[in-house]
Amino acid sequence: MTDQRIGRIAGFCSPASVAAFVVEFPFYLVRGSFPSMAESYKLPGFAARNATNIMACVFLDLIILSFFMVFAAGFRHMIRRADPQFGVARNTLLRC
């Protein structure tokens, strides 16, 4: 895989993770308030009403973190392959 292709994939994954977070955020607002500890008997009903919402958030979190990991790996690769004149940034970020 070429450096240009790695850079493009990393460049795609960064805004894609932000976009997935923007899609996910309203799911947290739709869910409603979590029952207090004094009303623990309401917890099963809350979980049953919001099971699809909770699973959608977990799935979107998986996608967001996957995009972020690909971005971080690509960014690290691009720093490692950087021109030696930028050695200070390279040594600071990677401790090479």
Protein backbone atom coordinates (compact mmCIF):
# COMPACT_ATOMS: atom_id res chain seq x y z
CA MET A 1 0.00 0.00 0.00
CA THR A 2 1.40 3.38 -0.95
CA ASP A 3 1.78 6.35 1.37
CA GLN A 4 -0.72 8.31 -0.69
CA ARG A 5 -3.36 5.60 -0.29
CA ILE A 6 -2.73 5.39 3.46
CA GLY A 7 -3.07 9.15 3.70
CA ARG A 8 -6.36 9.11 1.81
CA ILE A 9 -7.80 6.34 3.96
CA ALA A 10 -6.75 8.16 7.14
CA GLY A 11 -8.13 11.40 5.73
CA PHE A 12 -11.47 9.72 5.06
CA CYS A 13 -11.69 8.05 8.47
CA SER A 14 -11.25 11.24 10.49
CA PRO A 15 -14.34 13.10 9.22
CA ALA A 16 -16.23 9.81 8.99
CA SER A 17 -15.78 9.24 12.72
CA VAL A 18 -16.96 12.79 13.45
CA ALA A 19 -19.98 12.30 11.17
CA ALA A 20 -20.87 9.04 12.90
CA PHE A 21 -20.67 10.80 16.27
CA VAL A 22 -22.98 13.56 15.01
CA VAL A 23 -25.45 10.86 13.95
CA GLU A 24 -25.12 9.07 17.29
CA PHE A 25 -25.49 12.04 19.63
CA PRO A 26 -29.28 12.52 19.22
CA PHE A 27 -29.80 8.88 20.24
CA TYR A 28 -28.62 9.79 23.74
CA LEU A 29 -31.14 12.64 23.93
CA VAL A 30 -34.12 10.55 22.76
CA ARG A 31 -33.60 7.91 25.41
CA GLY A 32 -34.97 9.92 28.35
CA SER A 33 -33.80 10.13 31.93
CA PHE A 34 -32.29 7.15 33.66
CA PRO A 35 -34.23 6.00 36.76
CA SER A 36 -32.64 6.95 40.07
CA MET A 37 -31.20 4.41 42.48
CA ALA A 38 -34.23 4.86 44.74
CA GLU A 39 -36.48 3.76 41.86
CA SER A 40 -34.52 0.68 40.84
CA TYR A 41 -37.75 -1.20 40.13
CA LYS A 42 -38.16 1.03 37.05
CA LEU A 43 -34.84 -0.08 35.52
CA PRO A 44 -36.14 -3.20 33.67
CA GLY A 45 -38.92 -1.15 32.09
CA PHE A 46 -36.43 1.55 31.06
CA ALA A 47 -34.12 -1.06 29.51
CA ALA A 48 -37.00 -2.74 27.67
CA ARG A 49 -38.28 0.55 26.23
CA ASN A 50 -34.84 1.66 25.11
CA ALA A 51 -33.18 -1.62 24.11
CA THR A 52 -33.05 -0.76 20.40
CA ASN A 53 -31.73 2.71 21.15
CA ILE A 54 -29.02 1.37 23.45
CA MET A 55 -27.92 -1.26 20.93
CA ALA A 56 -27.84 1.35 18.14
CA CYS A 57 -25.54 3.50 20.29
CA VAL A 58 -23.26 0.55 21.00
CA PHE A 59 -23.10 -0.27 17.28
CA LEU A 60 -22.36 3.34 16.34
CA ASP A 61 -19.67 3.49 19.05
CA LEU A 62 -18.04 0.46 17.45
CA ILE A 63 -18.04 2.21 14.08
CA ILE A 64 -16.71 5.47 15.52
CA LEU A 65 -13.86 3.76 17.35
CA SER A 66 -12.99 1.66 14.28
CA PHE A 67 -12.74 4.78 12.12
CA PHE A 68 -10.66 6.50 14.78
CA MET A 69 -8.26 3.55 15.09
CA VAL A 70 -7.72 3.49 11.31
CA PHE A 71 -7.14 7.25 11.34
CA ALA A 72 -4.65 7.01 14.24
CA ALA A 73 -2.71 4.20 12.54
CA GLY A 74 -2.56 6.11 9.25
CA PHE A 75 -1.52 9.32 11.00
CA ARG A 76 1.24 7.48 12.85
CA HIS A 77 2.45 5.97 9.59
CA MET A 78 2.53 9.38 7.92
CA ILE A 79 4.54 10.86 10.81
CA ARG A 80 7.04 7.99 10.67
CA ARG A 81 7.53 8.52 6.93
CA ALA A 82 7.91 12.29 7.31
CA ASP A 83 10.94 14.16 6.09
CA PRO A 84 13.89 13.97 8.55
CA GLN A 85 13.94 17.76 8.79
CA PHE A 86 10.79 17.43 10.89
CA GLY A 87 12.62 15.22 13.38
CA VAL A 88 11.54 17.18 16.45
CA ALA A 89 7.86 16.51 15.83
CA ARG A 90 8.55 12.92 14.90
CA ASN A 91 10.65 12.26 18.00
CA THR A 92 8.22 14.05 20.27
CA LEU A 93 5.17 12.17 19.04
CA LEU A 94 6.65 8.70 18.54
CA ARG A 95 9.71 8.58 20.83
CA CYS A 96 11.73 6.96 18.02
